[in-house]
Amino acid sequence: MRKPTLVFIDIDGTLLDSSHHIPESARKECQRAQQAGHKLFICSGRAALDIDPPVLELGFDGIVSDGGACAELNGETIIDERMPAESVRAATSFFIAHSMPYAWHCSDGMHATERFLNRLGIWRKLLRHPQMRGSWHTITDHSAPLPPVRKGTFYVPENGSLTVEDVRRELAGYATIIHGSINASSEDNGEILIPGVDKGTALMKVSQRLGVPLSDTIAIGDSDNDLEMIQTAGIGVAMGNGTEAVKSVADMIAPHVDNNGLAAALHRLLP
């Protein structure tokens, strides 16, 4: 009997195309892979409660969320990393001082400033998926206590006074800052991660939990927050629409997400 391969798949720009839909080719290849005995996992920077219902309806074998800070396997939470309160306070103070829209990924969903919600256009998403309304919360008091925080997301000022690199320098010692992937842009937004926690560390923990060697894992993604999982997996795949950073470390580059890229990768690697 063929050994199962664990496949870790990013959502935005990998499973979802540029129109935020799942291509039918990707849907069919995911189903075929599972029917062949392989195990497929979502591996996303999103909060678990912020994953679109159509994605969950595909029936993945597990979910890695919040950039690797959380993972669920067979209904059990096997990873639940928390950002230190001091890191959250320091970042929040910096964002307020520079009038930056920001959001925290928490155990009960997303807590975001109104400017972040408007910038991201989250209202349109909630109109498409009204059942997700309870997963988004508006921050009205910046000093109010939050549920456990797993990750943060922010936009740099529109006037160009700060870059993601500036934020990285200012918050060095508190958190890991990387370029984000909101709206296919990494220049105007960034992500705040717990130091030493990323999609690669989560991939390793899931594979260890299931007793599967890293050589039997595949990771497919497109953004800078996919870098570590692509480096960690037995086979790392960058989408054709991916950043130069992920392409530079990938073992394989798939076609663009809008050109059946995910399906092509799965068909080639899991014949």
Protein backbone atom coordinates (compact mmCIF):
# COMPACT_ATOMS: atom_id res chain seq x y z
CA MET A 1 0.00 0.00 0.00
CA ARG A 2 1.38 3.40 -0.96
CA LYS A 3 2.39 5.63 1.94
CA PRO A 4 0.22 8.74 2.31
CA THR A 5 1.74 12.09 1.51
CA LEU A 6 0.83 15.10 3.65
CA VAL A 7 0.07 18.14 1.47
CA PHE A 8 -0.02 21.61 3.03
CA ILE A 9 -1.88 24.16 0.89
CA ASP A 10 -2.05 27.92 1.32
CA ILE A 11 -5.40 29.61 0.65
CA ASP A 12 -5.06 33.04 -0.95
CA GLY A 13 -3.19 32.97 -4.23
CA THR A 14 -2.84 29.20 -4.09
CA LEU A 15 -6.20 27.51 -3.55
CA LEU A 16 -8.24 30.65 -4.22
CA ASP A 17 -7.61 32.40 -7.53
CA SER A 18 -7.40 36.16 -8.05
CA SER A 19 -11.22 36.33 -8.02
CA HIS A 20 -11.29 34.58 -4.62
CA HIS A 21 -12.85 31.43 -6.09
CA ILE A 22 -11.70 27.82 -6.01
CA PRO A 23 -10.98 26.73 -9.59
CA GLU A 24 -12.88 23.58 -10.51
CA SER A 25 -9.59 21.98 -11.53
CA ALA A 26 -8.22 22.51 -7.99
CA ARG A 27 -11.38 21.12 -6.44
CA LYS A 28 -11.16 17.94 -8.51
CA GLU A 29 -7.45 17.39 -7.88
CA CYS A 30 -7.86 17.86 -4.12
CA GLN A 31 -10.66 15.29 -4.10
CA ARG A 32 -8.65 12.88 -6.24
CA ALA A 33 -5.64 13.16 -3.95
CA GLN A 34 -7.70 12.40 -0.85
CA GLN A 35 -9.41 9.48 -2.54
CA ALA A 36 -5.94 8.09 -3.27
CA GLY A 37 -5.21 8.14 0.46
CA HIS A 38 -3.19 11.32 0.78
CA LYS A 39 -3.94 13.84 3.54
CA LEU A 40 -4.53 17.50 2.66
CA PHE A 41 -4.19 20.39 5.07
CA ILE A 42 -5.03 24.05 4.83
CA CYS A 43 -1.94 26.02 5.87
CA SER A 44 -2.94 29.67 6.02
CA GLY A 45 -2.03 32.99 7.54
CA ARG A 46 -5.72 33.56 8.17
CA ALA A 47 -7.41 33.05 11.52
CA ALA A 48 -9.25 29.72 11.61
CA LEU A 49 -12.62 31.49 11.98
CA ASP A 50 -11.83 33.69 8.97
CA ILE A 51 -11.56 30.84 6.46
CA ASP A 52 -14.24 31.02 3.77
CA PRO A 53 -16.96 28.34 4.09
CA PRO A 54 -16.40 27.05 0.50
CA VAL A 55 -12.79 26.27 1.47
CA LEU A 56 -13.86 24.30 4.54
CA GLU A 57 -16.50 22.48 2.53
CA LEU A 58 -13.75 20.79 0.51
CA GLY A 59 -13.19 18.60 3.55
CA PHE A 60 -9.53 19.02 4.42
CA ASP A 61 -7.91 16.61 6.87
CA GLY A 62 -6.72 19.41 9.11
CA ILE A 63 -6.20 23.16 9.35
CA VAL A 64 -3.07 25.14 10.14
CA SER A 65 -4.01 28.79 10.68
CA ASP A 66 -2.66 32.10 11.98
CA GLY A 67 0.65 31.64 10.20
CA GLY A 68 1.40 28.43 12.09
CA ALA A 69 0.30 29.54 15.56
CA CYS A 70 -2.72 27.21 15.56
CA ALA A 71 -3.44 23.78 14.12
CA GLU A 72 -6.45 21.48 14.32
CA LEU A 73 -6.31 17.78 13.52
CA ASN A 74 -9.36 15.52 13.72
CA GLY A 75 -11.21 18.19 15.70
CA GLU A 76 -8.40 18.50 18.25
CA THR A 77 -6.27 21.63 18.65
CA ILE A 78 -2.68 20.38 18.59
CA ILE A 79 -0.95 23.77 18.28
CA ASP A 80 -2.06 26.89 20.17
CA GLU A 81 0.72 29.45 20.41
CA ARG A 82 0.11 32.79 22.16
CA MET A 83 1.81 36.11 21.46
CA PRO A 84 3.28 37.69 24.63
CA ALA A 85 1.10 40.48 26.01
CA GLU A 86 4.06 42.87 26.00
CA SER A 87 4.52 42.32 22.25
CA VAL A 88 0.84 43.08 21.62
CA ARG A 89 1.06 46.25 23.74
CA ALA A 90 4.23 47.47 22.03
CA ALA A 91 2.86 46.90 18.52
CA THR A 92 -0.51 48.45 19.35
CA SER A 93 1.17 51.58 20.74
CA PHE A 94 3.30 51.89 17.63
CA PHE A 95 0.29 51.49 15.30
CA ILE A 96 -1.71 54.09 17.20
CA ALA A 97 1.19 56.55 17.21
CA HIS A 98 1.45 56.28 13.42
CA SER A 99 -2.31 56.08 12.67
CA MET A 100 -1.92 52.63 11.12
CA PRO A 101 -4.86 50.28 10.51
CA TYR A 102 -4.29 46.96 12.28
CA ALA A 103 -5.93 43.70 13.29
CA TRP A 104 -5.19 40.96 15.80
CA HIS A 105 -5.88 37.28 15.10
CA CYS A 106 -7.39 35.98 18.33
CA SER A 107 -8.85 32.74 19.59
CA ASP A 108 -12.37 34.06 18.94
CA GLY A 109 -11.66 35.49 15.48
CA MET A 110 -10.39 38.81 14.18
CA HIS A 111 -10.25 42.04 16.21
CA ALA A 112 -9.65 44.96 13.84
CA THR A 113 -9.81 48.73 13.75
CA GLU A 114 -12.56 50.23 11.62
CA ARG A 115 -9.98 51.67 9.22
CA PHE A 116 -8.54 48.17 8.75
CA LEU A 117 -12.00 46.75 8.05
CA ASN A 118 -12.69 49.46 5.49
CA ARG A 119 -9.27 49.13 3.88
CA LEU A 120 -9.63 45.37 3.56
CA GLY A 121 -13.24 45.61 2.39
CA ILE A 122 -14.29 42.97 4.90
CA TRP A 123 -17.92 44.11 4.67
CA ARG A 124 -18.11 42.68 1.15
CA LYS A 125 -16.81 39.37 2.39
CA LEU A 126 -19.39 39.24 5.18
CA LEU A 127 -22.15 39.92 2.66
CA ARG A 128 -20.96 36.86 0.69
CA HIS A 129 -20.68 34.73 3.80
CA PRO A 130 -23.07 36.13 6.46
CA GLN A 131 -22.43 33.15 8.74
CA MET A 132 -18.96 34.60 9.37
CA ARG A 133 -20.21 37.84 10.93
CA GLY A 134 -19.43 36.66 14.44
CA SER A 135 -15.79 36.04 13.60
CA TRP A 136 -14.97 39.76 13.11
CA HIS A 137 -14.91 42.28 15.96
CA THR A 138 -14.32 46.04 15.72
CA ILE A 139 -11.72 47.57 18.04
CA THR A 140 -13.16 50.72 19.59
CA ASP A 141 -10.96 50.89 22.69
CA HIS A 142 -7.30 50.31 21.87
CA SER A 143 -6.50 49.62 25.52
CA ALA A 144 -9.22 47.03 26.09
CA PRO A 145 -7.98 43.51 26.86
CA LEU A 146 -8.03 41.02 24.01
CA PRO A 147 -8.56 37.26 23.93
CA PRO A 148 -5.34 35.26 23.37
CA VAL A 149 -3.52 36.72 20.34
CA ARG A 150 -1.89 34.43 17.78
CA LYS A 151 -0.83 36.88 15.06
CA GLY A 152 -1.25 40.46 13.83
CA THR A 153 -1.76 42.19 10.49
CA PHE A 154 -1.25 45.85 9.62
CA TYR A 155 -1.14 48.43 6.83
CA VAL A 156 1.67 50.97 6.64
CA PRO A 157 0.65 54.66 6.39
CA GLU A 158 -0.71 55.65 2.99
CA ASN A 159 1.48 58.77 2.96
CA GLY A 160 4.57 56.60 2.59
CA SER A 161 6.11 57.73 5.87
CA LEU A 162 6.82 54.14 6.92
CA THR A 163 7.65 50.86 5.20
CA VAL A 164 7.27 47.29 6.42
CA GLU A 165 11.04 47.30 6.97
CA ASP A 166 10.67 50.33 9.27
CA VAL A 167 8.07 48.48 11.32
CA ARG A 168 10.39 45.46 11.48
CA ARG A 169 13.18 47.60 12.93
CA GLU A 170 10.92 49.36 15.42
CA LEU A 171 9.41 46.14 16.75
CA ALA A 172 12.59 44.06 16.70
CA GLY A 173 12.75 42.03 19.89
CA TYR A 174 8.98 41.95 20.25
CA ALA A 175 7.83 40.05 17.19
CA THR A 176 8.78 38.76 13.75
CA ILE A 177 7.60 41.15 11.02
CA ILE A 178 7.23 39.98 7.42
CA HIS A 179 5.64 41.35 4.27
CA GLY A 180 1.96 40.46 4.08
CA SER A 181 -0.16 39.16 1.24
CA ILE A 182 -3.38 41.15 1.51
CA ASN A 183 -4.92 41.90 -1.88
CA ALA A 184 -1.88 40.38 -3.65
CA SER A 185 0.26 43.23 -2.33
CA SER A 186 3.17 42.88 0.05
CA GLU A 187 4.44 46.46 0.01
CA ASP A 188 1.66 48.22 1.92
CA ASN A 189 0.90 45.57 4.54
CA GLY A 190 2.69 43.26 6.89
CA GLU A 191 2.22 40.45 9.37
CA ILE A 192 3.27 40.19 13.02
CA LEU A 193 4.31 36.68 14.00
CA ILE A 194 5.41 35.06 17.23
CA PRO A 195 9.20 34.59 17.03
CA GLY A 196 10.06 31.00 16.19
CA VAL A 197 6.50 30.20 15.07
CA ASP A 198 5.63 29.90 11.40
CA LYS A 199 4.01 27.60 8.86
CA GLY A 200 7.20 25.55 8.69
CA THR A 201 7.23 24.78 12.42
CA ALA A 202 3.54 23.84 12.21
CA LEU A 203 4.14 21.55 9.23
CA MET A 204 6.86 19.80 11.22
CA LYS A 205 4.65 19.33 14.30
CA VAL A 206 1.72 17.98 12.26
CA SER A 207 3.92 15.51 10.41
CA GLN A 208 5.50 14.35 13.68
CA ARG A 209 2.07 13.93 15.24
CA LEU A 210 1.00 11.72 12.33
CA GLY A 211 4.29 9.83 12.21
CA VAL A 212 5.02 10.90 8.64
CA PRO A 213 8.62 11.83 7.71
CA LEU A 214 9.22 15.27 6.23
CA SER A 215 10.35 13.55 3.04
CA ASP A 216 6.71 12.56 2.52
CA THR A 217 5.34 16.11 2.78
CA ILE A 218 4.53 18.72 0.15
CA ALA A 219 3.96 22.44 0.76
CA ILE A 220 2.38 24.74 -1.82
CA GLY A 221 2.18 28.52 -1.43
CA ASP A 222 2.79 31.94 -2.96
CA SER A 223 3.59 34.49 -0.26
CA ASP A 224 6.41 35.38 2.10
CA ASN A 225 4.59 33.71 5.00
CA ASP A 226 4.86 30.44 3.02
CA LEU A 227 8.64 30.63 2.87
CA GLU A 228 9.41 28.43 5.87
CA MET A 229 6.90 25.70 5.01
CA ILE A 230 8.24 25.51 1.44
CA GLN A 231 11.77 25.16 2.84
CA THR A 232 10.72 22.60 5.47
CA ALA A 233 8.62 20.25 3.33
CA GLY A 234 10.07 17.31 1.45
CA ILE A 235 8.93 19.07 -1.74
CA GLY A 236 8.29 22.81 -1.71
CA VAL A 237 6.17 24.32 -4.47
CA ALA A 238 5.85 28.03 -5.31
CA MET A 239 2.94 29.22 -7.39
CA GLY A 240 3.74 31.03 -10.63
CA ASN A 241 2.19 34.13 -9.10
CA GLY A 242 4.34 33.79 -5.99
CA THR A 243 6.91 36.22 -4.63
CA GLU A 244 10.49 36.00 -5.79
CA ALA A 245 11.48 34.96 -2.27
CA VAL A 246 9.35 31.81 -2.28
CA LYS A 247 10.31 30.97 -5.85
CA SER A 248 13.97 31.16 -4.93
CA VAL A 249 13.68 28.38 -2.32
CA ALA A 250 11.09 26.15 -4.04
CA ASP A 251 11.85 22.77 -5.56
CA MET A 252 9.18 23.35 -8.18
CA ILE A 253 7.33 26.34 -9.61
CA ALA A 254 3.73 25.68 -10.60
CA PRO A 255 1.74 27.69 -13.14
CA HIS A 256 -0.11 30.86 -12.08
CA VAL A 257 -3.07 30.31 -9.77
CA ASP A 258 -5.36 31.64 -12.53
CA ASN A 259 -3.93 29.06 -14.92
CA ASN A 260 -4.82 25.94 -12.89
CA GLY A 261 -1.56 26.12 -10.97
CA LEU A 262 -2.60 24.13 -7.91
CA ALA A 263 -4.19 21.38 -9.99
CA ALA A 264 -1.07 21.12 -12.14
CA ALA A 265 1.16 20.73 -9.07
CA LEU A 266 -1.04 18.08 -7.46
CA HIS A 267 -1.40 16.16 -10.72
CA ARG A 268 2.37 16.12 -11.22
CA LEU A 269 3.39 15.28 -7.67
CA LEU A 270 0.58 12.87 -6.78
CA PRO A 271 0.02 10.93 -10.02
